[in-house]
Every structure is written in C-alpha cells, then in structure tokens.
Amino acid sequence: MYVGTLSFDLLLGDVRSLKEKRSVVRPIVAELQRKYAVSAAEVDHMDLHRRAVVGLAVVSGDAAHLTDVLDRCERLVAGRPEVELLSVRRRFHGEDD
C-alpha cells in the first residue's frame, strides 16, 4: 500500500472576504475530489481571505499510479487562473515506511 499527500499553499486573486474565498476554494476542492477520487479539504489559513492551504491524500496499491494521480492534481491546481500556487509539499509513504 502506498499513501501520497500534497499540500498547496495558494494566494488568491481579487478576494475581499471569506465568502469570496470560499467561492474560489470550494470549486477547486470539489474538482480534485470528483476528477481524481482523492480526499481533499482546505486545511490552513481559514481566517485569511487571500491565502489558503489545500491538502489532499490518496491511497493506491501501485506506486506509479499514485505518482500519476499526484502529478495530475498538481497540474490541475497550478493551471487555475484565479489562484497563484506559492508552494507544493509532496509526501510519499511506501510499504517500507
């Protein structure tokens, strides 16, 4: 069994309230969940309206499949024009851990 996680530190564009922030972050989380069957959520900077950290996790029996899913998720978030991807943290746990 292999477990992979990603955490995306995002800077949101022209967002002036927490309500506007939710309208940007929720669709990203929903699309990750729908397209890639990952567990995803906003996990940090809940009280800041221009910053967000989105975390996701995926479990697979195949390391290559896991890496492919994580790469696709990263490309999806990086390609969103309404956010600037400040950093990505990737963790990979295999059977030897």
PDB file of N, CA and C in Angstrom:
ATOM      1  N   MET A   1       0.849  -1.177   0.000  1.00  0.00           N
ATOM      2  CA  MET A   1       0.000   0.000   0.000  1.00  0.00           C
ATOM      3  C   MET A   1       0.891   1.235   0.000  1.00  0.00           C
ATOM      4  N   TYR A   2       0.488   2.217  -0.794  1.00  0.00           N
ATOM      5  CA  TYR A   2       1.203   3.485  -0.888  1.00  0.00           C
ATOM      6  C   TYR A   2       0.239   4.623  -0.585  1.00  0.00           C
ATOM      7  N   VAL A   3       0.729   5.612   0.151  1.00  0.00           N
ATOM      8  CA  VAL A   3      -0.069   6.790   0.511  1.00  0.00           C
ATOM      9  C   VAL A   3       0.699   8.022   0.061  1.00  0.00           C
ATOM     10  N   GLY A   4       0.020   8.895  -0.648  1.00  0.00           N
ATOM     11  CA  GLY A   4       0.627  10.143  -1.083  1.00  0.00           C
ATOM     12  C   GLY A   4      -0.208  11.324  -0.630  1.00  0.00           C
ATOM     13  N   THR A   5       0.480  12.393  -0.264  1.00  0.00           N
ATOM     14  CA  THR A   5      -0.217  13.621   0.130  1.00  0.00           C
ATOM     15  C   THR A   5       0.394  14.809  -0.597  1.00  0.00           C
ATOM     16  N   LEU A   6      -0.430  15.783  -0.821  1.00  0.00           N
ATOM     17  CA  LEU A   6       0.007  17.070  -1.370  1.00  0.00           C
ATOM     18  C   LEU A   6      -0.597  18.167  -0.513  1.00  0.00           C
ATOM     19  N   SER A   7       0.149  19.225  -0.323  1.00  0.00           N
ATOM     20  CA  SER A   7      -0.447  20.417   0.268  1.00  0.00           C
ATOM     21  C   SER A   7      -0.037  21.607  -0.586  1.00  0.00           C
ATOM     22  N   PHE A   8      -1.046  22.364  -0.987  1.00  0.00           N
ATOM     23  CA  PHE A   8      -0.869  23.505  -1.868  1.00  0.00           C
ATOM     24  C   PHE A   8      -1.042  24.786  -1.066  1.00  0.00           C
ATOM     25  N   ASP A   9      -0.040  25.645  -1.083  1.00  0.00           N
ATOM     26  CA  ASP A   9      -0.144  26.968  -0.470  1.00  0.00           C
ATOM     27  C   ASP A   9      -0.556  27.932  -1.585  1.00  0.00           C
ATOM     28  N   LEU A  10      -1.749  28.494  -1.448  1.00  0.00           N
ATOM     29  CA  LEU A  10      -2.322  29.304  -2.514  1.00  0.00           C
ATOM     30  C   LEU A  10      -2.477  30.765  -2.111  1.00  0.00           C
ATOM     31  N   LEU A  11      -2.201  31.638  -3.054  1.00  0.00           N
ATOM     32  CA  LEU A  11      -2.511  33.058  -2.920  1.00  0.00           C
ATOM     33  C   LEU A  11      -3.677  33.324  -3.853  1.00  0.00           C
ATOM     34  N   LEU A  12      -4.770  33.806  -3.285  1.00  0.00           N
ATOM     35  CA  LEU A  12      -5.975  34.046  -4.063  1.00  0.00           C
ATOM     36  C   LEU A  12      -5.925  35.438  -4.672  1.00  0.00           C
ATOM     37  N   GLY A  13      -6.533  35.583  -5.821  1.00  0.00           N
ATOM     38  CA  GLY A  13      -6.514  36.850  -6.546  1.00  0.00           C
ATOM     39  C   GLY A  13      -7.309  37.942  -5.862  1.00  0.00           C
ATOM     40  N   ASP A  14      -8.228  38.533  -6.566  1.00  0.00           N
ATOM     41  CA  ASP A  14      -9.002  39.673  -6.086  1.00  0.00           C
ATOM     42  C   ASP A  14     -10.127  39.191  -5.175  1.00  0.00           C
ATOM     43  N   VAL A  15      -9.763  38.815  -3.965  1.00  0.00           N
ATOM     44  CA  VAL A  15     -10.712  38.295  -2.980  1.00  0.00           C
ATOM     45  C   VAL A  15     -10.723  39.258  -1.800  1.00  0.00           C
ATOM     46  N   ARG A  16     -11.918  39.711  -1.417  1.00  0.00           N
ATOM     47  CA  ARG A  16     -12.011  40.714  -0.347  1.00  0.00           C
ATOM     48  C   ARG A  16     -12.751  40.232   0.892  1.00  0.00           C
ATOM     49  N   SER A  17     -13.231  38.988   0.870  1.00  0.00           N
ATOM     50  CA  SER A  17     -13.962  38.488   2.029  1.00  0.00           C
ATOM     51  C   SER A  17     -13.799  36.975   2.119  1.00  0.00           C
ATOM     52  N   LEU A  18     -14.145  36.434   3.273  1.00  0.00           N
ATOM     53  CA  LEU A  18     -14.089  34.986   3.441  1.00  0.00           C
ATOM     54  C   LEU A  18     -15.140  34.292   2.574  1.00  0.00           C
ATOM     55  N   LYS A  19     -16.244  34.965   2.327  1.00  0.00           N
ATOM     56  CA  LYS A  19     -17.272  34.405   1.453  1.00  0.00           C
ATOM     57  C   LYS A  19     -16.745  34.269   0.014  1.00  0.00           C
ATOM     58  N   GLU A  20     -16.054  35.279  -0.470  1.00  0.00           N
ATOM     59  CA  GLU A  20     -15.451  35.209  -1.795  1.00  0.00           C
ATOM     60  C   GLU A  20     -14.367  34.135  -1.833  1.00  0.00           C
ATOM     61  N   LYS A  21     -13.621  34.015  -0.740  1.00  0.00           N
ATOM     62  CA  LYS A  21     -12.593  32.980  -0.658  1.00  0.00           C
ATOM     63  C   LYS A  21     -13.221  31.595  -0.823  1.00  0.00           C
ATOM     64  N   ARG A  22     -14.310  31.339  -0.125  1.00  0.00           N
ATOM     65  CA  ARG A  22     -14.989  30.045  -0.241  1.00  0.00           C
ATOM     66  C   ARG A  22     -15.430  29.778  -1.675  1.00  0.00           C
ATOM     67  N   SER A  23     -15.862  30.824  -2.378  1.00  0.00           N
ATOM     68  CA  SER A  23     -16.324  30.645  -3.756  1.00  0.00           C
ATOM     69  C   SER A  23     -15.180  30.316  -4.714  1.00  0.00           C
ATOM     70  N   VAL A  24     -13.944  30.550  -4.302  1.00  0.00           N
ATOM     71  CA  VAL A  24     -12.774  30.181  -5.106  1.00  0.00           C
ATOM     72  C   VAL A  24     -12.242  28.812  -4.688  1.00  0.00           C
ATOM     73  N   VAL A  25     -12.150  28.578  -3.390  1.00  0.00           N
ATOM     74  CA  VAL A  25     -11.506  27.356  -2.886  1.00  0.00           C
ATOM     75  C   VAL A  25     -12.411  26.128  -3.045  1.00  0.00           C
ATOM     76  N   ARG A  26     -13.680  26.258  -2.743  1.00  0.00           N
ATOM     77  CA  ARG A  26     -14.581  25.094  -2.812  1.00  0.00           C
ATOM     78  C   ARG A  26     -14.626  24.421  -4.188  1.00  0.00           C
ATOM     79  N   PRO A  27     -14.704  25.176  -5.284  1.00  0.00           N
ATOM     80  CA  PRO A  27     -14.706  24.501  -6.587  1.00  0.00           C
ATOM     81  C   PRO A  27     -13.406  23.744  -6.879  1.00  0.00           C
ATOM     82  N   ILE A  28     -12.283  24.249  -6.397  1.00  0.00           N
ATOM     83  CA  ILE A  28     -11.010  23.554  -6.593  1.00  0.00           C
ATOM     84  C   ILE A  28     -11.029  22.228  -5.840  1.00  0.00           C
ATOM     85  N   VAL A  29     -11.439  22.261  -4.584  1.00  0.00           N
ATOM     86  CA  VAL A  29     -11.521  21.044  -3.771  1.00  0.00           C
ATOM     87  C   VAL A  29     -12.497  20.052  -4.399  1.00  0.00           C
ATOM     88  N   ALA A  30     -13.648  20.531  -4.826  1.00  0.00           N
ATOM     89  CA  ALA A  30     -14.661  19.651  -5.427  1.00  0.00           C
ATOM     90  C   ALA A  30     -14.159  19.014  -6.713  1.00  0.00           C
ATOM     91  N   GLU A  31     -13.458  19.773  -7.532  1.00  0.00           N
ATOM     92  CA  GLU A  31     -12.945  19.222  -8.788  1.00  0.00           C
ATOM     93  C   GLU A  31     -11.873  18.167  -8.532  1.00  0.00           C
ATOM     94  N   LEU A  32     -10.996  18.399  -7.561  1.00  0.00           N
ATOM     95  CA  LEU A  32      -9.998  17.387  -7.203  1.00  0.00           C
ATOM     96  C   LEU A  32     -10.679  16.099  -6.759  1.00  0.00           C
ATOM     97  N   GLN A  33     -11.689  16.231  -5.920  1.00  0.00           N
ATOM     98  CA  GLN A  33     -12.402  15.055  -5.423  1.00  0.00           C
ATOM     99  C   GLN A  33     -13.129  14.325  -6.545  1.00  0.00           C
ATOM    100  N   ARG A  34     -13.784  15.065  -7.407  1.00  0.00           N
ATOM    101  CA  ARG A  34     -14.577  14.464  -8.477  1.00  0.00           C
ATOM    102  C   ARG A  34     -13.701  13.814  -9.553  1.00  0.00           C
ATOM    103  N   LYS A  35     -12.682  14.519 -10.012  1.00  0.00           N
ATOM    104  CA  LYS A  35     -11.880  14.017 -11.129  1.00  0.00           C
ATOM    105  C   LYS A  35     -10.913  12.906 -10.728  1.00  0.00           C
ATOM    106  N   TYR A  36     -10.378  12.972  -9.511  1.00  0.00           N
ATOM    107  CA  TYR A  36      -9.292  12.057  -9.144  1.00  0.00           C
ATOM    108  C   TYR A  36      -9.590  11.173  -7.947  1.00  0.00           C
ATOM    109  N   ALA A  37     -10.786  11.252  -7.397  1.00  0.00           N
ATOM    110  CA  ALA A  37     -11.200  10.421  -6.263  1.00  0.00           C
ATOM    111  C   ALA A  37     -10.202  10.491  -5.109  1.00  0.00           C
ATOM    112  N   VAL A  38      -9.785  11.707  -4.788  1.00  0.00           N
ATOM    113  CA  VAL A  38      -8.876  11.929  -3.669  1.00  0.00           C
ATOM    114  C   VAL A  38      -9.660  12.531  -2.512  1.00  0.00           C
ATOM    115  N   SER A  39      -9.089  12.465  -1.348  1.00  0.00           N
ATOM    116  CA  SER A  39      -9.642  13.156  -0.191  1.00  0.00           C
ATOM    117  C   SER A  39      -8.987  14.532  -0.145  1.00  0.00           C
ATOM    118  N   ALA A  40      -9.774  15.603  -0.199  1.00  0.00           N
ATOM    119  CA  ALA A  40      -9.220  16.953  -0.261  1.00  0.00           C
ATOM    120  C   ALA A  40     -10.033  17.894   0.611  1.00  0.00           C
ATOM    121  N   ALA A  41      -9.339  18.905   1.158  1.00  0.00           N
ATOM    122  CA  ALA A  41     -10.005  19.899   2.006  1.00  0.00           C
ATOM    123  C   ALA A  41      -9.099  21.112   2.174  1.00  0.00           C
ATOM    124  N   GLU A  42      -9.712  22.241   2.518  1.00  0.00           N
ATOM    125  CA  GLU A  42      -8.931  23.399   2.941  1.00  0.00           C
ATOM    126  C   GLU A  42      -8.452  23.103   4.360  1.00  0.00           C
ATOM    127  N   VAL A  43      -7.151  23.227   4.599  1.00  0.00           N
ATOM    128  CA  VAL A  43      -6.604  22.767   5.875  1.00  0.00           C
ATOM    129  C   VAL A  43      -5.884  23.842   6.690  1.00  0.00           C
ATOM    130  N   ASP A  44      -5.667  25.025   6.135  1.00  0.00           N
ATOM    131  CA  ASP A  44      -4.969  26.064   6.903  1.00  0.00           C
ATOM    132  C   ASP A  44      -5.321  27.441   6.341  1.00  0.00           C
ATOM    133  N   HIS A  45      -4.990  28.476   7.109  1.00  0.00           N
ATOM    134  CA  HIS A  45      -5.264  29.881   6.781  1.00  0.00           C
ATOM    135  C   HIS A  45      -6.765  30.132   6.630  1.00  0.00           C
ATOM    136  N   MET A  46      -7.551  29.501   7.485  1.00  0.00           N
ATOM    137  CA  MET A  46      -9.006  29.627   7.405  1.00  0.00           C
ATOM    138  C   MET A  46      -9.489  31.063   7.638  1.00  0.00           C
ATOM    139  N   ASP A  47      -8.735  31.825   8.410  1.00  0.00           N
ATOM    140  CA  ASP A  47      -9.178  33.171   8.766  1.00  0.00           C
ATOM    141  C   ASP A  47      -8.589  34.261   7.867  1.00  0.00           C
ATOM    142  N   LEU A  48      -7.749  33.892   6.908  1.00  0.00           N
ATOM    143  CA  LEU A  48      -7.184  34.864   5.980  1.00  0.00           C
ATOM    144  C   LEU A  48      -7.941  34.788   4.665  1.00  0.00           C
ATOM    145  N   HIS A  49      -8.343  35.935   4.120  1.00  0.00           N
ATOM    146  CA  HIS A  49      -9.176  35.889   2.930  1.00  0.00           C
ATOM    147  C   HIS A  49      -8.398  35.788   1.620  1.00  0.00           C
ATOM    148  N   ARG A  50      -7.098  36.013   1.604  1.00  0.00           N
ATOM    149  CA  ARG A  50      -6.336  35.900   0.348  1.00  0.00           C
ATOM    150  C   ARG A  50      -5.375  34.724   0.334  1.00  0.00           C
ATOM    151  N   ARG A  51      -5.371  33.916   1.383  1.00  0.00           N
ATOM    152  CA  ARG A  51      -4.477  32.751   1.441  1.00  0.00           C
ATOM    153  C   ARG A  51      -5.294  31.519   1.770  1.00  0.00           C
ATOM    154  N   ALA A  52      -4.826  30.379   1.257  1.00  0.00           N
ATOM    155  CA  ALA A  52      -5.466  29.100   1.558  1.00  0.00           C
ATOM    156  C   ALA A  52      -4.434  28.001   1.414  1.00  0.00           C
ATOM    157  N   VAL A  53      -4.570  26.980   2.216  1.00  0.00           N
ATOM    158  CA  VAL A  53      -3.796  25.760   2.050  1.00  0.00           C
ATOM    159  C   VAL A  53      -4.798  24.643   1.813  1.00  0.00           C
ATOM    160  N   VAL A  54      -4.654  23.972   0.684  1.00  0.00           N
ATOM    161  CA  VAL A  54      -5.499  22.840   0.339  1.00  0.00           C
ATOM    162  C   VAL A  54      -4.642  21.591   0.454  1.00  0.00           C
ATOM    163  N   GLY A  55      -5.138  20.631   1.203  1.00  0.00           N
ATOM    164  CA  GLY A  55      -4.434  19.366   1.357  1.00  0.00           C
ATOM    165  C   GLY A  55      -5.221  18.245   0.722  1.00  0.00           C
ATOM    166  N   LEU A  56      -4.496  17.251   0.219  1.00  0.00           N
ATOM    167  CA  LEU A  56      -5.167  16.086  -0.326  1.00  0.00           C
ATOM    168  C   LEU A  56      -4.352  14.843  -0.036  1.00  0.00           C
ATOM    169  N   ALA A  57      -5.051  13.712  -0.020  1.00  0.00           N
ATOM    170  CA  ALA A  57      -4.413  12.420   0.208  1.00  0.00           C
ATOM    171  C   ALA A  57      -5.029  11.397  -0.729  1.00  0.00           C
ATOM    172  N   VAL A  58      -4.194  10.441  -1.120  1.00  0.00           N
ATOM    173  CA  VAL A  58      -4.652   9.356  -1.978  1.00  0.00           C
ATOM    174  C   VAL A  58      -3.927   8.080  -1.580  1.00  0.00           C
ATOM    175  N   VAL A  59      -4.630   6.971  -1.685  1.00  0.00           N
ATOM    176  CA  VAL A  59      -4.077   5.655  -1.355  1.00  0.00           C
ATOM    177  C   VAL A  59      -4.156   4.789  -2.597  1.00  0.00           C
ATOM    178  N   SER A  60      -3.087   4.016  -2.849  1.00  0.00           N
ATOM    179  CA  SER A  60      -3.070   3.148  -4.018  1.00  0.00           C
ATOM    180  C   SER A  60      -2.211   1.921  -3.729  1.00  0.00           C
ATOM    181  N   GLY A  61      -2.487   0.876  -4.446  1.00  0.00           N
ATOM    182  CA  GLY A  61      -1.668  -0.326  -4.352  1.00  0.00           C
ATOM    183  C   GLY A  61      -0.478  -0.290  -5.280  1.00  0.00           C
ATOM    184  N   ASP A  62      -0.427   0.732  -6.155  1.00  0.00           N
ATOM    185  CA  ASP A  62       0.620   0.838  -7.167  1.00  0.00           C
ATOM    186  C   ASP A  62       1.305   2.203  -7.062  1.00  0.00           C
ATOM    187  N   ALA A  63       2.621   2.206  -6.873  1.00  0.00           N
ATOM    188  CA  ALA A  63       3.360   3.454  -6.699  1.00  0.00           C
ATOM    189  C   ALA A  63       3.288   4.334  -7.944  1.00  0.00           C
ATOM    190  N   ALA A  64       3.342   3.732  -9.134  1.00  0.00           N
ATOM    191  CA  ALA A  64       3.305   4.520 -10.363  1.00  0.00           C
ATOM    192  C   ALA A  64       1.947   5.208 -10.533  1.00  0.00           C
ATOM    193  N   HIS A  65       0.874   4.510 -10.202  1.00  0.00           N
ATOM    194  CA  HIS A  65      -0.464   5.112 -10.282  1.00  0.00           C
ATOM    195  C   HIS A  65      -0.587   6.263  -9.298  1.00  0.00           C
ATOM    196  N   LEU A  66      -0.073   6.074  -8.104  1.00  0.00           N
ATOM    197  CA  LEU A  66      -0.126   7.118  -7.084  1.00  0.00           C
ATOM    198  C   LEU A  66       0.612   8.369  -7.561  1.00  0.00           C
ATOM    199  N   THR A  67       1.795   8.195  -8.099  1.00  0.00           N
ATOM    200  CA  THR A  67       2.577   9.322  -8.596  1.00  0.00           C
ATOM    201  C   THR A  67       1.839  10.032  -9.723  1.00  0.00           C
ATOM    202  N   ASP A  68       1.207   9.278 -10.609  1.00  0.00           N
ATOM    203  CA  ASP A  68       0.443   9.855 -11.710  1.00  0.00           C
ATOM    204  C   ASP A  68      -0.715  10.702 -11.195  1.00  0.00           C
ATOM    205  N   VAL A  69      -1.444  10.198 -10.228  1.00  0.00           N
ATOM    206  CA  VAL A  69      -2.577  10.945  -9.661  1.00  0.00           C
ATOM    207  C   VAL A  69      -2.087  12.228  -8.992  1.00  0.00           C
ATOM    208  N   LEU A  70      -1.012  12.152  -8.221  1.00  0.00           N
ATOM    209  CA  LEU A  70      -0.477  13.351  -7.562  1.00  0.00           C
ATOM    210  C   LEU A  70      -0.014  14.376  -8.588  1.00  0.00           C
ATOM    211  N   ASP A  71       0.640  13.924  -9.657  1.00  0.00           N
ATOM    212  CA  ASP A  71       1.076  14.838 -10.716  1.00  0.00           C
ATOM    213  C   ASP A  71      -0.113  15.532 -11.376  1.00  0.00           C
ATOM    214  N   ARG A  72      -1.175  14.777 -11.654  1.00  0.00           N
ATOM    215  CA  ARG A  72      -2.368  15.355 -12.285  1.00  0.00           C
ATOM    216  C   ARG A  72      -3.029  16.384 -11.368  1.00  0.00           C
ATOM    217  N   CYS A  73      -3.099  16.077 -10.094  1.00  0.00           N
ATOM    218  CA  CYS A  73      -3.691  17.018  -9.136  1.00  0.00           C
ATOM    219  C   CYS A  73      -2.881  18.304  -9.079  1.00  0.00           C
ATOM    220  N   GLU A  74      -1.571  18.164  -9.068  1.00  0.00           N
ATOM    221  CA  GLU A  74      -0.715  19.346  -9.020  1.00  0.00           C
ATOM    222  C   GLU A  74      -0.892  20.201 -10.279  1.00  0.00           C
ATOM    223  N   ARG A  75      -0.967  19.580 -11.433  1.00  0.00           N
ATOM    224  CA  ARG A  75      -1.177  20.329 -12.677  1.00  0.00           C
ATOM    225  C   ARG A  75      -2.536  21.034 -12.684  1.00  0.00           C
ATOM    226  N   LEU A  76      -3.562  20.380 -12.147  1.00  0.00           N
ATOM    227  CA  LEU A  76      -4.884  20.982 -12.104  1.00  0.00           C
ATOM    228  C   LEU A  76      -4.864  22.267 -11.277  1.00  0.00           C
ATOM    229  N   VAL A  77      -4.283  22.206 -10.093  1.00  0.00           N
ATOM    230  CA  VAL A  77      -4.260  23.384  -9.219  1.00  0.00           C
ATOM    231  C   VAL A  77      -3.358  24.470  -9.807  1.00  0.00           C
ATOM    232  N   ALA A  78      -2.216  24.084 -10.345  1.00  0.00           N
ATOM    233  CA  ALA A  78      -1.291  25.066 -10.931  1.00  0.00           C
ATOM    234  C   ALA A  78      -1.903  25.765 -12.141  1.00  0.00           C
ATOM    235  N   GLY A  79      -2.813  25.100 -12.829  1.00  0.00           N
ATOM    236  CA  GLY A  79      -3.431  25.671 -14.014  1.00  0.00           C
ATOM    237  C   GLY A  79      -4.631  26.564 -13.752  1.00  0.00           C
ATOM    238  N   ARG A  80      -5.040  26.672 -12.503  1.00  0.00           N
ATOM    239  CA  ARG A  80      -6.205  27.514 -12.184  1.00  0.00           C
ATOM    240  C   ARG A  80      -5.789  28.985 -12.235  1.00  0.00           C
ATOM    241  N   PRO A  81      -6.434  29.797 -13.093  1.00  0.00           N
ATOM    242  CA  PRO A  81      -6.014  31.202 -13.234  1.00  0.00           C
ATOM    243  C   PRO A  81      -6.367  32.086 -12.041  1.00  0.00           C
ATOM    244  N   GLU A  82      -7.325  31.666 -11.225  1.00  0.00           N
ATOM    245  CA  GLU A  82      -7.767  32.522 -10.115  1.00  0.00           C
ATOM    246  C   GLU A  82      -6.889  32.416  -8.873  1.00  0.00           C
ATOM    247  N   VAL A  83      -5.908  31.499  -8.892  1.00  0.00           N
ATOM    248  CA  VAL A  83      -5.009  31.346  -7.751  1.00  0.00           C
ATOM    249  C   VAL A  83      -3.568  31.329  -8.228  1.00  0.00           C
ATOM    250  N   GLU A  84      -2.681  31.756  -7.348  1.00  0.00           N
ATOM    251  CA  GLU A  84      -1.247  31.639  -7.592  1.00  0.00           C
ATOM    252  C   GLU A  84      -0.721  30.562  -6.656  1.00  0.00           C
ATOM    253  N   LEU A  85      -0.077  29.570  -7.217  1.00  0.00           N
ATOM    254  CA  LEU A  85       0.465  28.464  -6.438  1.00  0.00           C
ATOM    255  C   LEU A  85       1.812  28.898  -5.875  1.00  0.00           C
ATOM    256  N   LEU A  86       1.861  29.138  -4.558  1.00  0.00           N
ATOM    257  CA  LEU A  86       3.092  29.595  -3.917  1.00  0.00           C
ATOM    258  C   LEU A  86       4.054  28.443  -3.662  1.00  0.00           C
ATOM    259  N   SER A  87       3.519  27.309  -3.209  1.00  0.00           N
ATOM    260  CA  SER A  87       4.376  26.145  -2.967  1.00  0.00           C
ATOM    261  C   SER A  87       3.532  24.884  -2.932  1.00  0.00           C
ATOM    262  N   VAL A  88       4.213  23.777  -3.154  1.00  0.00           N
ATOM    263  CA  VAL A  88       3.579  22.459  -3.095  1.00  0.00           C
ATOM    264  C   VAL A  88       4.482  21.582  -2.231  1.00  0.00           C
ATOM    265  N   ARG A  89       3.871  20.892  -1.308  1.00  0.00           N
ATOM    266  CA  ARG A  89       4.620  19.938  -0.476  1.00  0.00           C
ATOM    267  C   ARG A  89       4.059  18.553  -0.772  1.00  0.00           C
ATOM    268  N   ARG A  90       4.949  17.659  -1.181  1.00  0.00           N
ATOM    269  CA  ARG A  90       4.548  16.300  -1.549  1.00  0.00           C
ATOM    270  C   ARG A  90       5.205  15.322  -0.579  1.00  0.00           C
ATOM    271  N   ARG A  91       4.373  14.405  -0.105  1.00  0.00           N
ATOM    272  CA  ARG A  91       4.876  13.315   0.748  1.00  0.00           C
ATOM    273  C   ARG A  91       4.414  11.992   0.167  1.00  0.00           C
ATOM    274  N   PHE A  92       5.300  11.025   0.224  1.00  0.00           N
ATOM    275  CA  PHE A  92       5.034   9.716  -0.340  1.00  0.00           C
ATOM    276  C   PHE A  92       5.449   8.666   0.692  1.00  0.00           C
ATOM    277  N   HIS A  93       4.517   7.823   1.087  1.00  0.00           N
ATOM    278  CA  HIS A  93       4.795   6.795   2.078  1.00  0.00           C
ATOM    279  C   HIS A  93       4.584   5.432   1.410  1.00  0.00           C
ATOM    280  N   GLY A  94       5.627   4.620   1.432  1.00  0.00           N
ATOM    281  CA  GLY A  94       5.533   3.290   0.830  1.00  0.00           C
ATOM    282  C   GLY A  94       5.478   2.205   1.873  1.00  0.00           C
ATOM    283  N   GLU A  95       5.562   0.988   1.415  1.00  0.00           N
ATOM    284  CA  GLU A  95       5.476  -0.158   2.316  1.00  0.00           C
ATOM    285  C   GLU A  95       6.670  -0.255   3.263  1.00  0.00           C
ATOM    286  N   ASP A  96       7.782   0.369   2.910  1.00  0.00           N
ATOM    287  CA  ASP A  96       8.973   0.306   3.755  1.00  0.00           C
ATOM    288  C   ASP A  96       8.952   1.291   4.910  1.00  0.00           C
ATOM    289  N   ASP A  97       8.005   2.230   4.903  1.00  0.00           N
ATOM    290  CA  ASP A  97       7.950   3.265   5.956  1.00  0.00           C
ATOM    291  C   ASP A  97       7.337   2.717   7.221  1.00  0.00           C
TER     292      ASP A  97
END
